[in-house]
Protein backbone atom coordinates (compact mmCIF):
# COMPACT_ATOMS: atom_id res chain seq x y z
CA MET A 1 -51.39 -55.50 13.65
CA LYS A 2 -48.55 -55.90 16.03
CA MET A 3 -46.07 -56.40 13.42
CA LEU A 4 -47.08 -53.14 11.72
CA LEU A 5 -46.52 -51.19 15.05
CA VAL A 6 -43.11 -52.65 15.47
CA ARG A 7 -42.20 -51.58 11.99
CA LYS A 8 -43.54 -48.03 12.69
CA PHE A 9 -41.59 -47.91 15.91
CA ARG A 10 -38.37 -48.90 14.14
CA VAL A 11 -38.82 -46.19 11.49
CA LEU A 12 -39.50 -43.59 14.36
CA ILE A 13 -36.31 -44.36 16.09
CA LEU A 14 -34.26 -44.00 12.75
CA MET A 15 -35.60 -40.81 11.97
CA VAL A 16 -35.00 -39.49 15.47
CA PHE A 17 -31.53 -40.71 15.21
CA LEU A 18 -30.91 -38.99 11.85
CA VAL A 19 -32.30 -35.64 13.16
CA ALA A 20 -29.91 -35.83 16.30
CA CYS A 21 -26.98 -36.54 13.99
CA THR A 22 -27.95 -33.66 11.60
CA MET A 23 -28.32 -31.34 14.56
CA HIS A 24 -24.90 -32.21 15.95
CA ILE A 25 -23.25 -31.65 12.71
CA MET A 26 -24.86 -28.14 12.41
CA ILE A 27 -24.01 -26.96 15.95
CA ASP A 28 -20.37 -28.13 15.35
CA LEU A 29 -20.01 -26.49 11.72
CA LEU A 30 -22.00 -23.19 12.07
CA PRO A 31 -19.23 -21.40 13.86
CA ARG A 32 -16.85 -22.16 11.52
CA LEU A 33 -18.91 -21.30 8.47
CA ALA A 34 -20.08 -17.87 9.95
CA PRO A 35 -18.36 -14.76 8.38
CA ARG A 36 -15.79 -13.13 10.42
CA ARG A 37 -16.76 -9.75 11.63
CA ARG A 38 -14.65 -7.13 9.90
CA ARG A 39 -12.79 -4.39 11.97
CA PRO A 40 -13.72 -0.87 11.16
CA ALA A 41 -10.75 1.06 9.52
CA GLY A 42 -8.53 2.84 11.81
CA ARG A 43 -9.37 0.91 14.89
CA PRO A 44 -6.22 -0.60 16.53
CA LEU A 45 -6.16 -4.31 17.30
CA PRO A 46 -7.23 -5.07 20.66
CA ALA A 47 -4.58 -5.96 22.99
CA PRO A 48 -4.21 -9.80 23.71
CA ALA A 49 -5.43 -10.65 27.09
CA LEU A 50 -2.50 -11.67 29.27
CA PRO A 51 -3.04 -15.17 30.83
CA ARG A 52 -3.62 -15.03 34.56
CA ARG A 53 -0.50 -16.32 36.34
CA PRO A 54 -1.38 -19.31 38.33
CA ALA A 55 -0.65 -19.60 41.98
CA PRO A 56 2.67 -20.95 42.72
CA ALA A 57 2.49 -24.65 43.03
CA ARG A 58 4.52 -26.61 45.32
CA ARG A 59 7.47 -28.30 43.49
CA ARG A 60 7.74 -31.76 43.58
CA ARG A 61 11.16 -33.42 44.25
CA PRO A 62 12.30 -35.36 41.14
CA PRO A 63 12.81 -39.07 41.35
CA LEU A 64 16.25 -40.22 42.55
CA GLN A 65 17.06 -41.27 38.91
CA CYS A 66 16.30 -37.73 37.66
CA GLN A 67 18.58 -36.32 40.56
CA GLN A 68 21.22 -38.77 39.53
CA ARG A 69 21.23 -37.56 35.85
CA HIS A 70 21.91 -33.90 36.86
CA GLN A 71 24.03 -34.51 39.93
CA VAL A 72 26.71 -36.83 38.81
CA GLN A 73 27.55 -35.10 35.68
CA PRO A 74 31.01 -33.33 36.31
CA ALA A 75 30.91 -29.47 35.87
CA GLY A 76 32.19 -28.24 32.71
CA GLY A 77 31.41 -31.48 30.89
CA ARG A 78 35.15 -32.74 32.18
CA ALA A 79 35.64 -36.39 33.16
CA ALA A 80 35.77 -37.04 36.73
CA ARG A 81 39.21 -37.37 38.15
CA VAL A 82 40.05 -40.67 40.22
CA VAL A 83 43.29 -41.90 41.86
CA SER A 84 44.67 -45.34 41.83
CA THR A 85 47.46 -46.78 43.23
CA GLY A 86 50.04 -49.03 41.18
CA ALA A 87 51.65 -52.14 42.83
CA ALA A 88 54.92 -50.03 43.08
CA GLY A 89 53.06 -47.73 45.51
CA GLY A 90 53.04 -44.40 43.27
CA TRP A 91 49.72 -42.66 42.75
CA VAL A 92 48.48 -42.33 39.20
CA HIS A 93 45.87 -39.63 38.44
CA THR A 94 43.63 -40.24 35.37
CA GLN A 95 40.71 -39.02 33.73
CA HIS A 96 37.88 -41.42 34.05
CA PRO A 97 34.91 -40.80 31.92
CA ALA A 98 33.42 -44.27 32.80
CA ARG A 99 32.73 -43.03 36.25
CA PHE A 100 29.16 -42.71 37.32
CA GLY A 101 28.11 -44.40 33.77
CA LEU A 102 25.53 -46.46 35.53
CA ALA A 103 23.77 -43.80 37.20
CA ARG A 104 22.62 -42.32 33.84
CA LEU A 105 21.34 -45.57 32.47
CA GLY A 106 17.53 -45.36 31.94
CA SER A 107 17.38 -41.68 32.99
CA GLU A 108 16.09 -40.51 29.59
CA ARG A 109 13.20 -42.63 29.90
CA ARG A 110 12.34 -41.85 33.58
CA CYS A 111 13.08 -38.12 33.35
CA ALA A 112 11.52 -37.59 29.84
CA PRO A 113 9.52 -34.35 29.23
CA GLY A 114 6.07 -34.52 30.33
CA MET A 115 6.48 -37.30 32.82
CA GLY A 116 6.41 -34.89 35.68
CA GLY A 117 2.62 -34.61 35.45
CA GLY A 118 2.71 -30.85 33.85
CA PRO A 119 3.24 -29.72 30.15
CA ALA A 120 6.45 -30.70 28.53
CA GLY A 121 9.43 -28.70 29.85
CA SER A 122 7.46 -26.48 32.19
CA VAL A 123 8.03 -28.11 35.64
CA GLN A 124 11.11 -30.15 34.46
CA ASN A 125 13.09 -26.86 33.87
CA GLU A 126 12.21 -25.50 37.17
CA GLU A 127 13.20 -28.61 38.96
CA HIS A 128 16.38 -28.67 37.00
CA GLU A 129 17.36 -25.33 38.07
CA GLU A 130 16.28 -26.00 41.62
CA PHE A 131 18.48 -29.29 41.93
CA LEU A 132 21.32 -28.19 39.82
CA PRO A 133 24.56 -29.30 41.69
CA THR A 134 26.78 -26.62 42.95
CA GLY A 135 29.19 -29.05 44.84
CA GLU A 136 28.93 -32.26 46.56
CA THR A 137 26.46 -31.29 49.35
CA SER A 138 23.44 -32.67 47.25
CA ILE A 139 25.13 -36.12 46.51
CA ASP A 140 26.01 -36.34 50.23
CA SER A 141 22.17 -36.47 50.94
CA TYR A 142 21.67 -39.42 48.99
CA PRO A 143 21.36 -42.94 50.95
CA ASN A 144 24.71 -44.96 50.87
CA TRP A 145 23.33 -47.65 48.70
CA LEU A 146 22.91 -45.22 45.85
CA LYS A 147 26.19 -43.78 46.44
CA PHE A 148 27.57 -47.37 46.00
CA HIS A 149 25.76 -47.65 42.67
CA ILE A 150 26.96 -44.15 41.44
CA GLY A 151 30.47 -45.17 42.24
CA ILE A 152 30.47 -48.26 39.73
CA ASN A 153 32.68 -47.70 36.67
CA ARG A 154 34.15 -49.86 34.03
CA TYR A 155 37.06 -51.30 36.31
CA GLU A 156 35.65 -51.83 39.64
CA LEU A 157 32.53 -51.71 41.81
CA TYR A 158 34.01 -49.10 43.91
CA SER A 159 37.14 -47.14 44.36
CA ARG A 160 39.67 -47.48 47.16
CA ASP A 161 38.71 -44.10 48.63
CA ASN A 162 35.01 -44.37 48.51
CA PRO A 163 33.72 -43.54 51.85
CA ALA A 164 30.29 -44.74 51.18
CA ILE A 165 31.30 -48.33 51.38
CA GLU A 166 32.00 -48.20 55.03
CA ALA A 167 28.91 -46.37 55.68
CA LEU A 168 26.93 -48.90 53.58
CA LEU A 169 28.31 -51.73 55.60
CA GLN A 170 27.14 -49.90 58.76
CA ASP A 171 23.65 -49.55 57.19
CA LEU A 172 23.47 -53.33 56.32
CA VAL A 173 23.63 -54.08 60.03
CA SER A 174 21.83 -51.18 61.55
CA GLN A 175 19.02 -50.04 59.13
CA LYS A 176 15.33 -51.16 59.95
CA ILE A 177 14.08 -54.03 58.03
CA THR A 178 10.75 -53.05 56.39
CA SER A 179 9.95 -56.03 54.29
CA VAL A 180 11.05 -59.58 53.54
CA ALA A 181 10.60 -61.87 50.59
CA MET A 182 12.03 -65.23 49.30
CA LYS A 183 14.28 -64.82 46.34
CA SER A 184 13.10 -66.85 43.32
CA GLY A 185 15.69 -69.33 41.80
CA GLY A 186 18.51 -70.82 43.38
CA THR A 187 19.09 -74.23 45.23
CA GLN A 188 18.75 -72.96 48.73
CA LEU A 189 16.86 -70.42 50.81
CA LYS A 190 17.76 -66.73 50.25
CA LEU A 191 15.65 -63.79 51.39
CA ILE A 192 15.51 -60.18 49.87
CA MET A 193 15.47 -57.71 52.59
CA THR A 194 14.25 -54.03 52.15
CA PHE A 195 15.47 -51.30 54.53
CA GLN A 196 13.89 -48.11 55.64
CA ASN A 197 16.06 -46.07 53.38
CA TYR A 198 14.78 -48.12 50.45
CA GLY A 199 17.97 -50.10 50.06
CA GLN A 200 18.05 -53.84 49.44
CA ALA A 201 20.14 -56.70 50.48
CA LEU A 202 20.39 -60.52 49.75
CA PHE A 203 20.17 -62.41 53.15
CA LYS A 204 21.78 -65.82 53.54
CA PRO A 205 21.01 -67.32 56.85
CA MET A 206 23.52 -69.40 58.97
CA LYS A 207 23.47 -73.18 57.97
CA GLN A 208 26.77 -74.40 59.68
CA THR A 209 28.72 -73.45 62.57
CA ARG A 210 32.37 -71.89 61.94
CA GLU A 211 33.96 -75.31 62.82
CA GLN A 212 32.05 -77.52 60.50
CA GLU A 213 33.52 -78.77 57.42
CA THR A 214 31.50 -80.02 54.31
CA PRO A 215 30.77 -83.63 54.72
CA PRO A 216 33.20 -85.73 52.53
CA ASP A 217 30.49 -87.48 50.66
CA PHE A 218 28.81 -84.21 49.57
CA PHE A 219 28.97 -83.21 45.87
CA TYR A 220 29.99 -79.62 45.10
CA PHE A 221 26.55 -78.83 43.85
CA SER A 222 24.78 -80.01 46.83
CA ASP A 223 27.17 -78.30 49.49
CA TYR A 224 25.63 -75.85 52.01
CA GLU A 225 25.87 -72.09 51.08
CA ARG A 226 27.66 -70.46 54.12
CA HIS A 227 26.92 -66.99 55.35
CA ASN A 228 30.45 -66.57 56.72
CA ALA A 229 31.77 -67.55 53.39
CA GLU A 230 30.04 -64.60 51.80
CA ILE A 231 31.52 -62.14 54.32
CA ALA A 232 34.91 -63.51 54.14
CA ALA A 233 34.90 -63.42 50.30
CA PHE A 234 34.04 -59.67 50.47
CA HIS A 235 37.14 -59.14 52.62
CA LEU A 236 39.46 -61.22 50.51
CA ASP A 237 38.38 -59.34 47.50
CA ARG A 238 38.85 -55.87 48.90
CA GLN A 239 41.06 -53.38 50.42
CA VAL A 240 40.64 -52.24 53.94
CA LYS A 241 42.25 -48.93 55.59
CA GLY A 242 43.38 -48.19 59.00
CA ILE A 243 43.07 -51.44 61.00
CA CYS A 244 46.71 -52.46 60.80
CA ILE A 245 47.71 -50.41 63.71
CA LYS A 246 51.27 -51.96 64.30
CA ARG A 247 52.68 -51.32 60.78
CA LYS A 248 50.73 -48.17 60.12
CA VAL A 249 49.79 -49.07 56.60
CA GLU A 250 46.62 -49.60 54.63
CA ILE A 251 45.71 -53.26 53.99
CA LEU A 252 45.75 -54.46 50.45
CA ILE A 253 44.58 -57.88 50.36
CA LEU A 254 43.75 -59.02 46.73
CA ASP A 255 42.41 -55.44 45.96
CA PHE A 256 40.05 -56.54 43.03
CA ARG A 257 36.89 -54.75 44.32
CA ARG A 258 34.64 -56.98 42.45
CA VAL A 259 32.34 -58.43 45.28
CA PRO A 260 29.30 -56.28 46.36
CA PRO A 261 29.60 -55.04 50.11
CA VAL A 262 28.60 -57.84 52.47
CA ALA A 263 28.23 -57.51 56.04
CA GLY A 264 27.14 -59.95 58.93
CA ARG A 265 24.03 -59.24 61.05
CA LEU A 266 22.05 -60.85 63.99
CA VAL A 267 18.49 -60.86 62.90
CA ASN A 268 15.38 -61.28 65.03
CA MET A 269 13.36 -63.95 63.17
CA THR A 270 10.11 -62.71 64.69
CA ARG A 271 10.16 -58.93 64.56
CA GLU A 272 12.46 -58.59 61.43
CA ILE A 273 11.21 -61.53 59.37
CA ARG A 274 7.96 -62.98 60.20
CA ASP A 275 6.06 -59.91 61.16
CA VAL A 276 7.24 -57.81 58.24
CA THR A 277 6.96 -60.37 55.41
CA ARG A 278 3.97 -60.40 52.99
CA ASP A 279 5.30 -63.70 51.39
CA LYS A 280 2.61 -66.16 52.60
CA LYS A 281 4.69 -68.95 51.50
CA LEU A 282 7.54 -67.96 53.81
CA TRP A 283 5.25 -67.04 56.51
CA ARG A 284 3.42 -70.49 56.62
CA THR A 285 6.95 -72.22 57.23
CA PHE A 286 7.40 -70.74 60.54
CA PHE A 287 7.02 -72.94 63.75
CA ILE A 288 8.21 -73.42 67.15
CA SER A 289 10.70 -76.31 67.74
CA PRO A 290 10.48 -78.79 70.93
CA ALA A 291 13.20 -76.58 72.19
CA ASN A 292 10.93 -73.44 72.13
CA ASN A 293 12.90 -71.96 69.25
CA ILE A 294 11.45 -70.12 66.36
CA CYS A 295 12.30 -71.88 63.18
CA PHE A 296 11.29 -71.54 59.34
CA TYR A 297 12.38 -73.19 56.18
CA GLY A 298 10.97 -71.42 53.40
CA GLU A 299 10.70 -72.92 49.73
CA CYS A 300 13.75 -73.94 47.62
CA SER A 301 15.35 -76.84 45.70
CA TYR A 302 17.48 -78.14 48.56
CA TYR A 303 17.47 -78.13 52.38
CA CYS A 304 13.81 -76.52 52.49
CA SER A 305 12.11 -78.74 54.90
CA THR A 306 11.23 -79.28 58.55
CA GLU A 307 14.28 -81.78 58.91
CA HIS A 308 16.64 -78.73 57.57
CA ALA A 309 14.64 -75.79 59.17
CA LEU A 310 16.59 -72.65 60.36
CA CYS A 311 16.20 -72.31 63.95
CA GLY A 312 17.11 -69.25 66.20
CA LYS A 313 18.33 -69.09 69.87
CA PRO A 314 15.45 -68.61 70.63
CA ASP A 315 14.63 -66.25 67.91
CA GLN A 316 18.07 -64.66 66.76
CA ILE A 317 19.77 -65.98 63.88
CA GLU A 318 23.14 -65.04 62.05
CA GLY A 319 23.28 -64.07 58.55
CA SER A 320 25.06 -62.32 55.68
CA LEU A 321 23.66 -59.34 53.95
CA ALA A 322 24.97 -58.55 50.50
CA ALA A 323 24.12 -55.13 49.11
CA PHE A 324 22.00 -55.31 45.94
CA LEU A 325 23.72 -54.14 42.60
CA PRO A 326 21.59 -51.51 40.48
CA ASP A 327 18.28 -52.50 39.12
CA LEU A 328 18.51 -54.35 35.84
CA SER A 329 16.24 -51.68 34.34
CA LEU A 330 18.99 -49.29 35.14
CA ALA A 331 21.94 -51.30 34.53
CA LYS A 332 21.65 -54.55 32.62
CA ARG A 333 24.05 -57.49 33.27
CA LYS A 334 25.11 -60.06 30.86
CA THR A 335 25.47 -63.46 32.06
CA TRP A 336 28.42 -65.69 30.72
CA ARG A 337 29.03 -69.29 30.99
CA ASN A 338 32.24 -70.08 32.67
CA PRO A 339 34.56 -71.92 30.20
CA TRP A 340 35.81 -74.10 33.10
CA ARG A 341 32.35 -74.84 34.24
CA ARG A 342 32.02 -78.30 36.09
CA SER A 343 29.75 -80.98 34.68
CA TYR A 344 27.31 -80.70 37.66
CA HIS A 345 26.74 -84.47 37.06
CA LYS A 346 27.62 -87.48 39.38
CA ARG A 347 29.62 -89.26 36.82
CA LYS A 348 30.33 -87.29 33.84
CA LYS A 349 33.47 -84.94 33.49
CA ALA A 350 33.57 -81.62 31.77
CA GLU A 351 35.76 -81.08 28.74
CA TRP A 352 38.56 -79.17 30.46
CA GLU A 353 38.96 -82.15 32.73
CA VAL A 354 39.99 -84.49 29.89
CA ASP A 355 41.65 -82.09 27.35
CA PRO A 356 44.97 -80.77 28.69
CA ASP A 357 45.03 -78.26 25.65
CA TYR A 358 41.59 -76.82 26.48
CA CYS A 359 42.74 -73.26 27.02
CA GLU A 360 43.96 -73.08 23.44
CA GLU A 361 40.57 -73.57 22.22
CA VAL A 362 38.98 -71.08 24.77
CA LYS A 363 41.48 -68.32 23.74
CA GLN A 364 40.28 -68.51 20.07
CA THR A 365 36.70 -68.08 21.06
CA PRO A 366 35.22 -64.56 21.75
CA PRO A 367 35.41 -62.68 24.24
CA TYR A 368 38.61 -64.55 25.28
CA ASP A 369 40.31 -64.17 22.01
CA LYS A 370 41.24 -60.51 22.69
CA GLY A 371 41.08 -57.94 25.48
CA THR A 372 41.59 -58.82 29.32
CA ARG A 373 38.69 -61.48 29.79
CA ILE A 374 41.11 -64.33 29.99
CA LEU A 375 43.19 -62.45 32.82
CA ASP A 376 39.88 -61.58 34.50
CA ILE A 377 39.24 -65.64 34.45
CA MET A 378 42.64 -66.16 35.98
CA ASP A 379 41.99 -63.47 38.72
CA MET A 380 38.79 -65.34 39.46
CA THR A 381 40.59 -68.63 39.45
CA VAL A 382 43.15 -67.46 42.15
CA PHE A 383 40.17 -65.90 44.14
CA ASP A 384 38.18 -69.26 44.15
CA PHE A 385 41.13 -71.54 44.69
CA LEU A 386 42.08 -69.50 48.04
CA MET A 387 38.57 -69.99 49.09
CA GLY A 388 37.99 -73.41 48.03
CA ASN A 389 35.00 -72.48 46.02
CA MET A 390 34.05 -74.91 43.38
CA ASP A 391 30.73 -73.56 42.37
CA ARG A 392 31.48 -70.96 39.57
CA HIS A 393 29.28 -72.20 36.80
CA HIS A 394 28.55 -68.50 35.30
CA TYR A 395 29.69 -64.90 36.03
CA GLU A 396 28.11 -61.68 35.15
CA THR A 397 29.40 -58.28 33.71
CA PHE A 398 27.60 -55.05 33.16
CA GLU A 399 26.27 -54.77 29.78
CA LYS A 400 26.92 -51.13 29.32
CA PHE A 401 30.86 -51.55 29.38
CA GLY A 402 30.83 -54.06 26.89
CA ASN A 403 33.43 -56.76 26.83
CA GLU A 404 36.30 -54.45 28.19
CA THR A 405 35.27 -54.53 31.88
CA PHE A 406 35.59 -56.55 34.89
CA ILE A 407 33.93 -59.85 36.22
CA ILE A 408 31.53 -59.48 39.00
CA HIS A 409 32.41 -62.02 41.77
CA LEU A 410 28.95 -62.95 42.81
CA ASP A 411 27.60 -65.93 44.85
CA ASN A 412 30.66 -66.99 46.91
CA GLY A 413 28.66 -68.95 49.56
CA ARG A 414 30.09 -72.47 48.82
CA GLY A 415 33.65 -71.30 49.84
CA PHE A 416 35.59 -72.06 52.89
CA GLY A 417 33.93 -75.41 53.18
CA LYS A 418 36.94 -77.64 53.75
CA TYR A 419 40.25 -76.40 55.54
CA SER A 420 41.75 -79.78 55.39
CA HIS A 421 41.59 -80.37 51.78
CA ASP A 422 43.04 -78.12 48.75
CA GLU A 423 40.78 -78.84 45.55
CA LEU A 424 43.66 -78.47 42.83
CA SER A 425 40.97 -78.95 39.95
CA ILE A 426 39.87 -75.18 40.82
CA LEU A 427 43.48 -74.21 39.49
CA VAL A 428 43.29 -75.83 36.26
CA PRO A 429 42.59 -72.77 34.23
CA LEU A 430 45.75 -71.20 35.61
CA ASN A 431 47.74 -74.48 35.01
CA GLN A 432 46.38 -74.79 31.41
CA CYS A 433 46.53 -71.10 30.25
CA CYS A 434 49.79 -70.02 32.12
CA ARG A 435 48.74 -66.24 32.14
CA ILE A 436 48.32 -63.94 35.04
CA ARG A 437 48.39 -60.25 35.42
CA LYS A 438 51.62 -58.59 36.95
CA SER A 439 49.51 -56.70 39.49
CA THR A 440 47.77 -59.89 40.77
CA TYR A 441 51.25 -61.71 40.81
CA LEU A 442 53.04 -59.02 42.66
CA ARG A 443 50.27 -58.77 45.22
CA LEU A 444 50.22 -62.66 45.73
CA GLN A 445 54.08 -62.38 46.19
CA LEU A 446 53.65 -59.59 48.90
CA LEU A 447 50.98 -61.66 50.63
CA ALA A 448 53.37 -64.64 50.88
CA LYS A 449 55.55 -62.41 52.99
CA GLU A 450 55.64 -63.02 56.72
CA GLU A 451 54.97 -59.24 57.56
CA TYR A 452 52.04 -59.09 55.16
CA LYS A 453 50.94 -62.77 55.64
CA LEU A 454 47.35 -63.25 54.20
CA SER A 455 45.90 -65.25 56.99
CA LEU A 456 47.13 -62.32 59.39
CA LEU A 457 45.65 -59.68 57.27
CA MET A 458 42.29 -61.53 56.85
CA LYS A 459 41.93 -62.07 60.47
CA GLU A 460 42.38 -58.28 61.08
CA SER A 461 40.09 -57.32 58.40
CA LEU A 462 37.37 -59.78 59.53
CA LEU A 463 37.48 -58.44 63.06
CA LYS A 464 35.59 -55.40 61.99
CA ASP A 465 32.43 -57.42 61.18
CA LYS A 466 29.64 -57.29 63.70
CA ILE A 467 29.55 -61.17 64.00
CA ALA A 468 33.24 -61.80 64.29
CA PRO A 469 35.04 -64.05 64.44
CA ILE A 470 34.01 -65.06 60.70
CA LEU A 471 36.55 -67.75 59.72
CA TYR A 472 37.65 -70.77 61.82
CA GLN A 473 41.54 -70.47 62.35
CA PRO A 474 42.21 -73.57 60.18
CA HIS A 475 40.46 -71.81 57.29
CA LEU A 476 42.96 -68.90 57.64
CA GLU A 477 46.10 -71.23 57.76
CA ALA A 478 44.57 -73.02 54.70
CA MET A 479 44.69 -69.82 52.82
CA ASP A 480 48.38 -69.41 53.34
CA ARG A 481 48.86 -72.91 52.11
CA ARG A 482 46.94 -72.46 48.94
CA LEU A 483 48.74 -69.22 48.24
CA ARG A 484 52.09 -71.03 48.11
CA ILE A 485 50.37 -73.55 45.79
CA VAL A 486 49.33 -70.84 43.61
CA LEU A 487 52.79 -69.16 43.55
CA LYS A 488 54.30 -72.61 42.73
CA ALA A 489 51.99 -73.01 39.76
CA VAL A 490 52.83 -69.60 38.29
CA SER A 491 56.62 -70.25 38.97
CA ASP A 492 56.30 -73.54 36.93
CA CYS A 493 54.58 -71.61 34.06
CA ILE A 494 57.47 -69.10 34.00
CA GLU A 495 60.09 -71.83 33.94
CA LYS A 496 58.28 -73.40 31.11
CA ASP A 497 57.29 -70.55 28.83
CA GLY A 498 59.32 -67.54 30.12
CA TYR A 499 58.26 -64.55 32.34
CA ASP A 500 57.04 -62.28 29.43
CA ASN A 501 54.90 -64.83 28.16
CA VAL A 502 53.13 -65.68 31.47
CA VAL A 503 53.02 -62.26 33.30
CA GLU A 504 51.04 -59.64 31.49
CA ASN A 505 52.20 -56.21 32.25
CA ASP A 506 48.95 -54.47 33.10
CA PHE A 507 50.27 -51.18 34.37
CA ASN A 508 51.07 -49.65 31.04
CA THR A 509 47.76 -51.02 29.61
CA VAL A 510 45.81 -49.31 32.58
CA LEU A 511 47.50 -45.94 32.01
CA ASN A 512 47.02 -46.02 28.35
CA THR A 513 43.31 -47.15 28.19
CA VAL A 514 41.86 -45.34 31.05
CA THR A 515 41.85 -42.05 29.44
CA THR A 516 40.33 -43.29 26.20
CA GLU A 517 36.49 -43.28 25.64
CA ARG A 518 34.57 -45.99 27.31
């Protein structure tokens, strides 16, 4: 009897389900099947009802990437004009279509129709009209870190006359720090600091005093990363205006402009690191030393322990802040293995250390078989030798610009470790290849003159930093000594292979290629 009731109940449920489905289909189809009402002859068509105009909504400001897309385009589709100086001192005016190229990367994805929250094209067109540039006033409202990103082009990270760089350096030492996190990867502790204007910088804390040298028993891959080396590398790489008062000239040091802006800052470890970090792993490493100083050590491969803690006086610590490059989602970077990379082994040697003809093999391998990449390596070699930096295992370029672009000189913290020793193995690429740019060679000759002495220019330039003095005087004198070694190496190459085979005339190359499509 019970089984019979269950079966009847199941049948009843099935019938109810079928009736509900039938009613749903009829309700959905009947309006479509019903005959349309015919309009009596002679009666005009009714006027279509005009849609009621919605109340004006408050326009939202588009994302910064969308503003970049519209505002960095030169009016009339013309290439932006830039001015560059040749070694002879003359001004060269060139069309520069590579300018602002990085600012447009990813804008199609971020500013696509329909992503503003309304119908495709409705709000977007209004915002485009509202923020269409009529001059440079709108770009002036951008934060300085964004102006720096916009100024990156195929040939340099920033131009000689870019006023945003000095303003960015000021921001690095004055902007309020809103959050701090440990940077993943790397062998030593580095912190990512975010500012009130949403800019970011990489903080390397002070580990050695100015007078300390790298211990003689340290391998190059276990050396400390020095905050003052990062600051000095930026000044060595750049050109500085208006500080050489006696000679009334602008100071051109190496003038590569391939190191992101770096500035020194005195940071309050309690208020500007511990109290604003959300990184629990970092926060847990803070402690008070027996001398009542605030200390922390973070997490990393080397020197992150209580024995190697970073301690303030009592809670103030020096460090370098390097401005971030554009986000990888906007400007992808390609990482290349340095052909003259060291073995990073206690006993093994790299191939270039045992093969004197190693450069011939490199010059037959892309991208070194054509273009200017091999000359960029020579520039980087000179740059590293002047600093005594042995830790150049990889380098990066912006993927957007292909192989015909500059090398970014990142991670220079292991420079300026020894002033009493010149590591000649850093100069091997130049000795093996015997190639150098004419512009680089002329500048090195200029910096060897007494009135433009490299150590004096560096000292004057570094005085502008907030935590000056940056370099110990023997380090400055060592740079002059190493400069003479570089010039001697080039002179030996010229004597062996001839001037034209060693010194590459890059002035005509720049003039001929800078106006072509990039």
